[in-house]
Amino acid sequence: MSEPGTTDVEFLRHTVAVVAYRGGKALRGAPETFASFRVAADSRSAGEILAHVGDLFDWALSIADGRQSWNDSPVLPWAEGSARFFAVLAAFDARLAEPRPLSASAEKLFQGPIADALTHIGQIALLRRLASAPVRGENYYKAEITAGRVGPEQAAPRREFD
């Protein structure tokens, strides 16, 4: 339950900040070769998953603007894919912050691209562990997550564990 008086758009902006915080944690410190890591020949590589997450937020932006378009982006080197991740989050968050109305409901934006992105961030974190480059666990309830903070610079973890 959100704070009393919180609008759907404010909740979406907080959710995008959650994606940035959790995603940033999963992306930071990964070896450059991690983009090609996959658990099976027919599974997506970490880089393919990261490209897909970027595509999800490009799609979310198109939905918010009423144009609904999808693009399959190529896999980028890990650092470039990470930069794209934060750039598309910033573009979507900026659109959410605009006063003009969204062309889709907050519920639809959440249930489609945003929830899917959260799933894939978890997959990247799991792949990090399988690639022997684990991300430390964290009590995300205690994390300092602020709407609008969607870039690579995030607050330091408050309660990590192994």
N, C-alpha and C. Protein backbone atom coordinates (compact mmCIF):
# COMPACT_ATOMS: atom_id res chain seq x y z
N MET A 1 0.86 -1.19 0.00
CA MET A 1 0.00 0.00 0.00
C MET A 1 0.89 1.23 0.00
N SER A 2 0.59 2.15 -0.84
CA SER A 2 1.37 3.37 -0.93
C SER A 2 0.91 4.35 0.15
N GLU A 3 1.71 5.37 0.32
CA GLU A 3 1.39 6.41 1.30
C GLU A 3 0.07 7.08 0.93
N PRO A 4 -0.70 7.50 1.92
CA PRO A 4 -1.93 8.23 1.61
C PRO A 4 -1.62 9.44 0.73
N GLY A 5 -2.42 9.64 -0.28
CA GLY A 5 -2.23 10.77 -1.17
C GLY A 5 -1.28 10.51 -2.32
N THR A 6 -0.63 9.34 -2.36
CA THR A 6 0.28 9.02 -3.45
C THR A 6 -0.53 8.72 -4.70
N THR A 7 -0.15 9.34 -5.80
CA THR A 7 -0.85 9.10 -7.05
C THR A 7 -0.27 7.87 -7.73
N ASP A 8 -1.00 7.37 -8.72
CA ASP A 8 -0.50 6.23 -9.50
C ASP A 8 0.83 6.55 -10.16
N VAL A 9 0.96 7.76 -10.68
CA VAL A 9 2.20 8.14 -11.34
C VAL A 9 3.36 8.22 -10.35
N GLU A 10 3.10 8.75 -9.17
CA GLU A 10 4.15 8.79 -8.14
C GLU A 10 4.58 7.37 -7.76
N PHE A 11 3.62 6.46 -7.68
CA PHE A 11 3.95 5.07 -7.38
C PHE A 11 4.78 4.46 -8.51
N LEU A 12 4.42 4.74 -9.76
CA LEU A 12 5.21 4.24 -10.89
C LEU A 12 6.63 4.80 -10.84
N ARG A 13 6.76 6.07 -10.53
CA ARG A 13 8.11 6.67 -10.45
C ARG A 13 8.92 6.01 -9.34
N HIS A 14 8.28 5.70 -8.22
CA HIS A 14 9.00 4.99 -7.17
C HIS A 14 9.41 3.59 -7.66
N THR A 15 8.53 2.94 -8.37
CA THR A 15 8.82 1.61 -8.88
C THR A 15 9.99 1.65 -9.86
N VAL A 16 10.04 2.64 -10.71
CA VAL A 16 11.16 2.79 -11.64
C VAL A 16 12.45 3.02 -10.86
N ALA A 17 12.38 3.77 -9.77
CA ALA A 17 13.56 3.97 -8.92
C ALA A 17 13.99 2.65 -8.27
N VAL A 18 13.04 1.80 -7.93
CA VAL A 18 13.35 0.46 -7.40
C VAL A 18 14.10 -0.34 -8.46
N VAL A 19 13.61 -0.29 -9.70
CA VAL A 19 14.29 -0.99 -10.79
C VAL A 19 15.72 -0.48 -10.93
N ALA A 20 15.91 0.83 -10.85
CA ALA A 20 17.25 1.41 -10.97
C ALA A 20 18.15 0.95 -9.82
N TYR A 21 17.63 0.94 -8.61
CA TYR A 21 18.43 0.53 -7.45
C TYR A 21 18.81 -0.95 -7.54
N ARG A 22 17.81 -1.79 -7.74
CA ARG A 22 18.07 -3.23 -7.80
C ARG A 22 18.87 -3.59 -9.05
N GLY A 23 18.49 -2.97 -10.17
CA GLY A 23 19.22 -3.23 -11.41
C GLY A 23 20.66 -2.78 -11.32
N GLY A 24 20.85 -1.59 -10.78
CA GLY A 24 22.22 -1.09 -10.63
C GLY A 24 23.07 -2.01 -9.80
N LYS A 25 22.50 -2.56 -8.76
CA LYS A 25 23.25 -3.48 -7.91
C LYS A 25 23.63 -4.74 -8.68
N ALA A 26 22.70 -5.24 -9.50
CA ALA A 26 22.97 -6.45 -10.29
C ALA A 26 23.97 -6.18 -11.42
N LEU A 27 24.02 -4.97 -11.92
CA LEU A 27 24.90 -4.65 -13.05
C LEU A 27 26.31 -4.27 -12.63
N ARG A 28 26.42 -3.54 -11.52
CA ARG A 28 27.73 -3.04 -11.08
C ARG A 28 28.69 -4.18 -10.76
N GLY A 29 29.91 -4.00 -11.20
CA GLY A 29 30.97 -4.93 -10.83
C GLY A 29 30.98 -6.25 -11.59
N ALA A 30 30.11 -6.39 -12.56
CA ALA A 30 30.11 -7.62 -13.35
C ALA A 30 31.32 -7.60 -14.28
N PRO A 31 31.95 -8.74 -14.48
CA PRO A 31 33.06 -8.77 -15.43
C PRO A 31 32.55 -8.48 -16.85
N GLU A 32 33.38 -7.84 -17.68
CA GLU A 32 32.96 -7.48 -19.04
C GLU A 32 32.49 -8.70 -19.81
N THR A 33 33.06 -9.85 -19.56
CA THR A 33 32.66 -11.07 -20.27
C THR A 33 31.31 -11.60 -19.81
N PHE A 34 30.75 -11.02 -18.77
CA PHE A 34 29.47 -11.49 -18.24
C PHE A 34 28.35 -11.37 -19.26
N ALA A 35 28.43 -10.41 -20.17
CA ALA A 35 27.36 -10.22 -21.17
C ALA A 35 27.12 -11.50 -21.97
N SER A 36 28.14 -12.31 -22.16
CA SER A 36 27.99 -13.53 -22.96
C SER A 36 27.66 -14.76 -22.11
N PHE A 37 27.58 -14.60 -20.79
CA PHE A 37 27.31 -15.75 -19.92
C PHE A 37 25.88 -16.22 -20.10
N ARG A 38 25.73 -17.55 -20.24
CA ARG A 38 24.40 -18.17 -20.32
C ARG A 38 24.49 -19.52 -19.64
N VAL A 39 23.37 -20.02 -19.13
CA VAL A 39 23.39 -21.30 -18.41
C VAL A 39 23.15 -22.49 -19.32
N ALA A 40 22.62 -22.27 -20.50
CA ALA A 40 22.39 -23.34 -21.45
C ALA A 40 22.45 -22.76 -22.86
N ALA A 41 22.73 -23.60 -23.82
CA ALA A 41 22.88 -23.14 -25.20
C ALA A 41 21.64 -22.42 -25.72
N ASP A 42 20.46 -22.84 -25.27
CA ASP A 42 19.23 -22.22 -25.77
C ASP A 42 18.63 -21.18 -24.83
N SER A 43 19.39 -20.75 -23.82
CA SER A 43 18.90 -19.71 -22.90
C SER A 43 19.46 -18.36 -23.32
N ARG A 44 18.84 -17.31 -22.83
CA ARG A 44 19.35 -15.97 -23.11
C ARG A 44 20.63 -15.74 -22.32
N SER A 45 21.54 -15.03 -22.94
CA SER A 45 22.75 -14.61 -22.22
C SER A 45 22.39 -13.44 -21.31
N ALA A 46 23.29 -13.13 -20.39
CA ALA A 46 23.08 -11.97 -19.52
C ALA A 46 22.94 -10.70 -20.35
N GLY A 47 23.74 -10.56 -21.40
CA GLY A 47 23.65 -9.38 -22.27
C GLY A 47 22.34 -9.31 -23.02
N GLU A 48 21.82 -10.46 -23.44
CA GLU A 48 20.52 -10.48 -24.12
C GLU A 48 19.41 -10.07 -23.16
N ILE A 49 19.50 -10.52 -21.92
CA ILE A 49 18.51 -10.13 -20.92
C ILE A 49 18.58 -8.62 -20.67
N LEU A 50 19.79 -8.11 -20.53
CA LEU A 50 19.95 -6.67 -20.29
C LEU A 50 19.41 -5.85 -21.47
N ALA A 51 19.67 -6.29 -22.70
CA ALA A 51 19.13 -5.60 -23.87
C ALA A 51 17.61 -5.64 -23.84
N HIS A 52 17.04 -6.78 -23.45
CA HIS A 52 15.59 -6.92 -23.37
C HIS A 52 15.00 -5.95 -22.33
N VAL A 53 15.67 -5.79 -21.20
CA VAL A 53 15.18 -4.84 -20.18
C VAL A 53 15.16 -3.43 -20.76
N GLY A 54 16.20 -3.05 -21.49
CA GLY A 54 16.20 -1.75 -22.14
C GLY A 54 15.04 -1.61 -23.11
N ASP A 55 14.79 -2.69 -23.87
CA ASP A 55 13.66 -2.68 -24.81
C ASP A 55 12.33 -2.54 -24.09
N LEU A 56 12.22 -3.15 -22.91
CA LEU A 56 10.98 -3.04 -22.13
C LEU A 56 10.68 -1.59 -21.77
N PHE A 57 11.72 -0.83 -21.39
CA PHE A 57 11.47 0.56 -21.00
C PHE A 57 11.30 1.46 -22.22
N ASP A 58 11.92 1.11 -23.35
CA ASP A 58 11.59 1.83 -24.59
C ASP A 58 10.11 1.60 -24.91
N TRP A 59 9.66 0.35 -24.76
CA TRP A 59 8.25 0.01 -25.01
C TRP A 59 7.34 0.76 -24.05
N ALA A 60 7.72 0.79 -22.75
CA ALA A 60 6.92 1.51 -21.75
C ALA A 60 6.75 2.96 -22.14
N LEU A 61 7.83 3.58 -22.61
CA LEU A 61 7.76 4.98 -23.03
C LEU A 61 6.82 5.13 -24.22
N SER A 62 6.89 4.20 -25.16
CA SER A 62 6.00 4.28 -26.32
C SER A 62 4.53 4.09 -25.90
N ILE A 63 4.29 3.22 -24.94
CA ILE A 63 2.92 3.01 -24.43
C ILE A 63 2.43 4.29 -23.76
N ALA A 64 3.28 4.88 -22.92
CA ALA A 64 2.90 6.11 -22.21
C ALA A 64 2.54 7.22 -23.19
N ASP A 65 3.19 7.21 -24.36
CA ASP A 65 2.94 8.23 -25.37
C ASP A 65 1.87 7.82 -26.37
N GLY A 66 1.29 6.62 -26.22
CA GLY A 66 0.21 6.19 -27.08
C GLY A 66 0.63 5.67 -28.44
N ARG A 67 1.91 5.26 -28.58
CA ARG A 67 2.35 4.77 -29.87
C ARG A 67 2.64 3.27 -29.88
N GLN A 68 2.78 2.62 -28.77
CA GLN A 68 2.99 1.16 -28.64
C GLN A 68 3.89 0.57 -29.70
N SER A 69 5.18 0.76 -29.59
CA SER A 69 6.10 0.15 -30.54
C SER A 69 7.15 -0.68 -29.81
N TRP A 70 7.58 -1.74 -30.46
CA TRP A 70 8.57 -2.66 -29.88
C TRP A 70 9.78 -2.71 -30.78
N ASN A 71 10.95 -2.82 -30.18
CA ASN A 71 12.20 -2.93 -30.91
C ASN A 71 13.08 -3.96 -30.20
N ASP A 72 13.67 -4.87 -30.96
CA ASP A 72 14.65 -5.81 -30.42
C ASP A 72 16.04 -5.23 -30.64
N SER A 73 16.66 -4.79 -29.56
CA SER A 73 17.97 -4.16 -29.66
C SER A 73 19.08 -5.19 -29.62
N PRO A 74 20.20 -4.87 -30.24
CA PRO A 74 21.34 -5.80 -30.20
C PRO A 74 21.98 -5.82 -28.81
N VAL A 75 22.69 -6.88 -28.55
CA VAL A 75 23.45 -6.99 -27.30
C VAL A 75 24.65 -6.06 -27.40
N LEU A 76 24.85 -5.29 -26.35
CA LEU A 76 25.98 -4.37 -26.27
C LEU A 76 27.02 -4.91 -25.30
N PRO A 77 28.27 -4.44 -25.38
CA PRO A 77 29.22 -4.77 -24.31
C PRO A 77 28.61 -4.36 -22.97
N TRP A 78 28.98 -5.05 -21.91
CA TRP A 78 28.31 -4.88 -20.61
C TRP A 78 28.24 -3.43 -20.16
N ALA A 79 29.33 -2.69 -20.24
CA ALA A 79 29.32 -1.29 -19.77
C ALA A 79 28.35 -0.45 -20.61
N GLU A 80 28.32 -0.66 -21.91
CA GLU A 80 27.41 0.10 -22.77
C GLU A 80 25.96 -0.32 -22.54
N GLY A 81 25.72 -1.61 -22.33
CA GLY A 81 24.36 -2.08 -22.03
C GLY A 81 23.87 -1.51 -20.71
N SER A 82 24.78 -1.42 -19.74
CA SER A 82 24.43 -0.84 -18.44
C SER A 82 24.09 0.64 -18.59
N ALA A 83 24.87 1.36 -19.39
CA ALA A 83 24.60 2.78 -19.61
C ALA A 83 23.24 2.95 -20.30
N ARG A 84 22.93 2.08 -21.26
CA ARG A 84 21.63 2.15 -21.93
C ARG A 84 20.50 1.90 -20.93
N PHE A 85 20.68 0.93 -20.03
CA PHE A 85 19.69 0.62 -19.00
C PHE A 85 19.30 1.89 -18.24
N PHE A 86 20.31 2.61 -17.76
CA PHE A 86 20.02 3.82 -16.98
C PHE A 86 19.45 4.93 -17.85
N ALA A 87 19.88 5.02 -19.10
CA ALA A 87 19.37 6.06 -20.00
C ALA A 87 17.88 5.84 -20.29
N VAL A 88 17.47 4.61 -20.54
CA VAL A 88 16.05 4.37 -20.84
C VAL A 88 15.19 4.55 -19.59
N LEU A 89 15.74 4.18 -18.42
CA LEU A 89 15.00 4.44 -17.17
C LEU A 89 14.80 5.94 -16.98
N ALA A 90 15.86 6.71 -17.24
CA ALA A 90 15.76 8.18 -17.09
C ALA A 90 14.74 8.76 -18.06
N ALA A 91 14.72 8.27 -19.29
CA ALA A 91 13.76 8.78 -20.28
C ALA A 91 12.33 8.45 -19.85
N PHE A 92 12.10 7.24 -19.38
CA PHE A 92 10.76 6.86 -18.95
C PHE A 92 10.35 7.64 -17.70
N ASP A 93 11.26 7.78 -16.75
CA ASP A 93 10.95 8.53 -15.53
C ASP A 93 10.65 9.99 -15.87
N ALA A 94 11.40 10.57 -16.79
CA ALA A 94 11.15 11.96 -17.20
C ALA A 94 9.76 12.08 -17.81
N ARG A 95 9.35 11.10 -18.58
CA ARG A 95 8.00 11.13 -19.17
C ARG A 95 6.95 11.04 -18.08
N LEU A 96 7.18 10.17 -17.09
CA LEU A 96 6.23 10.05 -15.98
C LEU A 96 6.12 11.36 -15.21
N ALA A 97 7.22 12.11 -15.12
CA ALA A 97 7.24 13.36 -14.36
C ALA A 97 6.55 14.51 -15.10
N GLU A 98 6.30 14.34 -16.39
CA GLU A 98 5.63 15.41 -17.16
C GLU A 98 4.18 15.55 -16.71
N PRO A 99 3.63 16.76 -16.84
CA PRO A 99 2.23 16.97 -16.43
C PRO A 99 1.20 16.36 -17.37
N ARG A 100 1.57 16.09 -18.61
CA ARG A 100 0.57 15.55 -19.54
C ARG A 100 0.20 14.12 -19.16
N PRO A 101 -1.03 13.75 -19.40
CA PRO A 101 -1.51 12.43 -18.98
C PRO A 101 -0.86 11.29 -19.77
N LEU A 102 -0.83 10.13 -19.13
CA LEU A 102 -0.34 8.92 -19.78
C LEU A 102 -1.41 8.39 -20.72
N SER A 103 -1.00 7.73 -21.77
CA SER A 103 -1.94 7.14 -22.72
C SER A 103 -2.35 5.73 -22.32
N ALA A 104 -1.90 5.27 -21.18
CA ALA A 104 -2.27 3.95 -20.65
C ALA A 104 -2.35 4.08 -19.14
N SER A 105 -3.06 3.16 -18.52
CA SER A 105 -3.17 3.21 -17.06
C SER A 105 -1.86 2.81 -16.39
N ALA A 106 -1.68 3.30 -15.19
CA ALA A 106 -0.51 2.92 -14.40
C ALA A 106 -0.49 1.42 -14.18
N GLU A 107 -1.66 0.83 -13.99
CA GLU A 107 -1.75 -0.62 -13.76
C GLU A 107 -1.22 -1.39 -14.97
N LYS A 108 -1.58 -0.98 -16.17
CA LYS A 108 -1.12 -1.66 -17.39
C LYS A 108 0.39 -1.47 -17.57
N LEU A 109 0.89 -0.27 -17.31
CA LEU A 109 2.33 -0.05 -17.41
C LEU A 109 3.08 -0.91 -16.40
N PHE A 110 2.52 -1.04 -15.20
CA PHE A 110 3.18 -1.87 -14.20
C PHE A 110 3.12 -3.35 -14.57
N GLN A 111 1.95 -3.84 -14.94
CA GLN A 111 1.78 -5.28 -15.17
C GLN A 111 2.53 -5.77 -16.40
N GLY A 112 2.81 -4.88 -17.34
CA GLY A 112 3.53 -5.27 -18.54
C GLY A 112 5.02 -5.04 -18.40
N PRO A 113 5.51 -3.91 -18.90
CA PRO A 113 6.96 -3.71 -18.96
C PRO A 113 7.67 -3.63 -17.61
N ILE A 114 7.08 -2.98 -16.63
CA ILE A 114 7.80 -2.79 -15.37
C ILE A 114 7.94 -4.10 -14.60
N ALA A 115 6.86 -4.85 -14.46
CA ALA A 115 6.94 -6.14 -13.75
C ALA A 115 7.87 -7.10 -14.48
N ASP A 116 7.82 -7.08 -15.80
CA ASP A 116 8.71 -7.94 -16.58
C ASP A 116 10.16 -7.56 -16.32
N ALA A 117 10.45 -6.27 -16.27
CA ALA A 117 11.82 -5.82 -16.01
C ALA A 117 12.31 -6.28 -14.64
N LEU A 118 11.45 -6.21 -13.64
CA LEU A 118 11.84 -6.69 -12.30
C LEU A 118 12.20 -8.18 -12.33
N THR A 119 11.43 -8.95 -13.08
CA THR A 119 11.74 -10.38 -13.22
C THR A 119 13.13 -10.55 -13.82
N HIS A 120 13.43 -9.81 -14.87
CA HIS A 120 14.71 -9.96 -15.56
C HIS A 120 15.89 -9.45 -14.73
N ILE A 121 15.66 -8.44 -13.91
CA ILE A 121 16.73 -7.99 -13.00
C ILE A 121 17.09 -9.14 -12.05
N GLY A 122 16.08 -9.85 -11.57
CA GLY A 122 16.33 -11.02 -10.72
C GLY A 122 17.10 -12.09 -11.47
N GLN A 123 16.79 -12.28 -12.75
CA GLN A 123 17.53 -13.27 -13.53
C GLN A 123 19.00 -12.87 -13.65
N ILE A 124 19.26 -11.59 -13.88
CA ILE A 124 20.65 -11.14 -13.98
C ILE A 124 21.38 -11.38 -12.66
N ALA A 125 20.72 -11.09 -11.54
CA ALA A 125 21.34 -11.33 -10.23
C ALA A 125 21.65 -12.82 -10.05
N LEU A 126 20.73 -13.68 -10.45
CA LEU A 126 20.96 -15.12 -10.35
C LEU A 126 22.10 -15.56 -11.26
N LEU A 127 22.14 -15.03 -12.46
CA LEU A 127 23.24 -15.37 -13.37
C LEU A 127 24.58 -14.92 -12.82
N ARG A 128 24.60 -13.79 -12.12
CA ARG A 128 25.85 -13.34 -11.49
C ARG A 128 26.36 -14.40 -10.52
N ARG A 129 25.47 -14.97 -9.73
CA ARG A 129 25.87 -16.00 -8.77
C ARG A 129 26.37 -17.24 -9.50
N LEU A 130 25.65 -17.64 -10.54
CA LEU A 130 26.05 -18.82 -11.30
C LEU A 130 27.37 -18.61 -12.03
N ALA A 131 27.70 -17.36 -12.36
CA ALA A 131 28.95 -17.03 -13.03
C ALA A 131 30.08 -16.77 -12.05
N SER A 132 29.86 -17.10 -10.78
CA SER A 132 30.86 -16.89 -9.71
C SER A 132 31.23 -15.42 -9.53
N ALA A 133 30.26 -14.54 -9.75
CA ALA A 133 30.43 -13.11 -9.51
C ALA A 133 29.18 -12.61 -8.79
N PRO A 134 28.91 -13.19 -7.59
CA PRO A 134 27.62 -12.90 -6.94
C PRO A 134 27.45 -11.46 -6.46
N VAL A 135 26.18 -11.09 -6.36
CA VAL A 135 25.78 -9.80 -5.80
C VAL A 135 25.34 -10.09 -4.37
N ARG A 136 25.77 -9.27 -3.44
CA ARG A 136 25.36 -9.49 -2.05
C ARG A 136 23.86 -9.27 -1.88
N GLY A 137 23.24 -10.11 -1.06
CA GLY A 137 21.84 -9.93 -0.74
C GLY A 137 21.65 -8.66 0.06
N GLU A 138 20.42 -8.20 0.11
CA GLU A 138 20.15 -6.95 0.81
C GLU A 138 18.71 -6.94 1.31
N ASN A 139 18.49 -6.28 2.43
CA ASN A 139 17.15 -6.02 2.90
C ASN A 139 16.68 -4.76 2.17
N TYR A 140 15.98 -4.97 1.05
CA TYR A 140 15.55 -3.85 0.21
C TYR A 140 14.50 -2.98 0.88
N TYR A 141 13.84 -3.49 1.88
CA TYR A 141 12.87 -2.67 2.62
C TYR A 141 13.58 -1.49 3.27
N LYS A 142 14.82 -1.70 3.70
CA LYS A 142 15.58 -0.65 4.38
C LYS A 142 16.34 0.25 3.41
N ALA A 143 16.36 -0.09 2.13
CA ALA A 143 17.13 0.68 1.14
C ALA A 143 16.58 2.09 0.99
N GLU A 144 17.47 3.02 0.71
CA GLU A 144 17.07 4.41 0.44
C GLU A 144 16.79 4.54 -1.05
N ILE A 145 15.53 4.40 -1.40
CA ILE A 145 15.10 4.49 -2.80
C ILE A 145 14.19 5.69 -2.92
N THR A 146 14.52 6.57 -3.87
CA THR A 146 13.80 7.82 -4.03
C THR A 146 13.34 7.98 -5.46
N ALA A 147 12.08 8.30 -5.64
CA ALA A 147 11.54 8.56 -6.98
C ALA A 147 12.41 9.60 -7.67
N GLY A 148 12.73 9.36 -8.92
CA GLY A 148 13.56 10.28 -9.68
C GLY A 148 15.03 9.91 -9.67
N ARG A 149 15.47 9.10 -8.70
CA ARG A 149 16.87 8.67 -8.68
C ARG A 149 16.96 7.39 -9.51
N VAL A 150 17.22 7.55 -10.79
CA VAL A 150 17.18 6.40 -11.70
C VAL A 150 18.49 6.21 -12.47
N GLY A 151 19.53 6.91 -12.06
CA GLY A 151 20.82 6.76 -12.71
C GLY A 151 21.72 5.77 -12.01
N PRO A 152 22.94 5.65 -12.48
CA PRO A 152 23.87 4.68 -11.87
C PRO A 152 24.29 5.04 -10.45
N GLU A 153 24.20 6.32 -10.09
CA GLU A 153 24.56 6.73 -8.74
C GLU A 153 23.37 6.48 -7.81
N GLN A 154 23.51 5.51 -6.94
CA GLN A 154 22.45 5.13 -6.01
C GLN A 154 22.98 5.24 -4.58
N ALA A 155 22.08 5.28 -3.63
CA ALA A 155 22.46 5.33 -2.22
C ALA A 155 23.20 4.03 -1.87
N ALA A 156 24.08 4.14 -0.89
CA ALA A 156 24.80 2.96 -0.42
C ALA A 156 23.81 2.01 0.27
N PRO A 157 24.03 0.72 0.16
CA PRO A 157 23.15 -0.24 0.85
C PRO A 157 23.15 0.01 2.35
N ARG A 158 22.00 -0.16 2.96
CA ARG A 158 21.88 0.02 4.42
C ARG A 158 22.03 -1.28 5.18
N ARG A 159 21.61 -2.42 4.56
CA ARG A 159 21.66 -3.70 5.26
C ARG A 159 21.88 -4.83 4.27
N GLU A 160 23.15 -5.11 4.01
CA GLU A 160 23.51 -6.23 3.13
C GLU A 160 23.82 -7.47 3.96
N PHE A 161 23.77 -8.60 3.31
CA PHE A 161 24.14 -9.86 3.95
C PHE A 161 24.62 -10.83 2.89
N ASP A 162 25.27 -11.89 3.34
CA ASP A 162 25.78 -12.91 2.40
C ASP A 162 24.84 -14.10 2.34
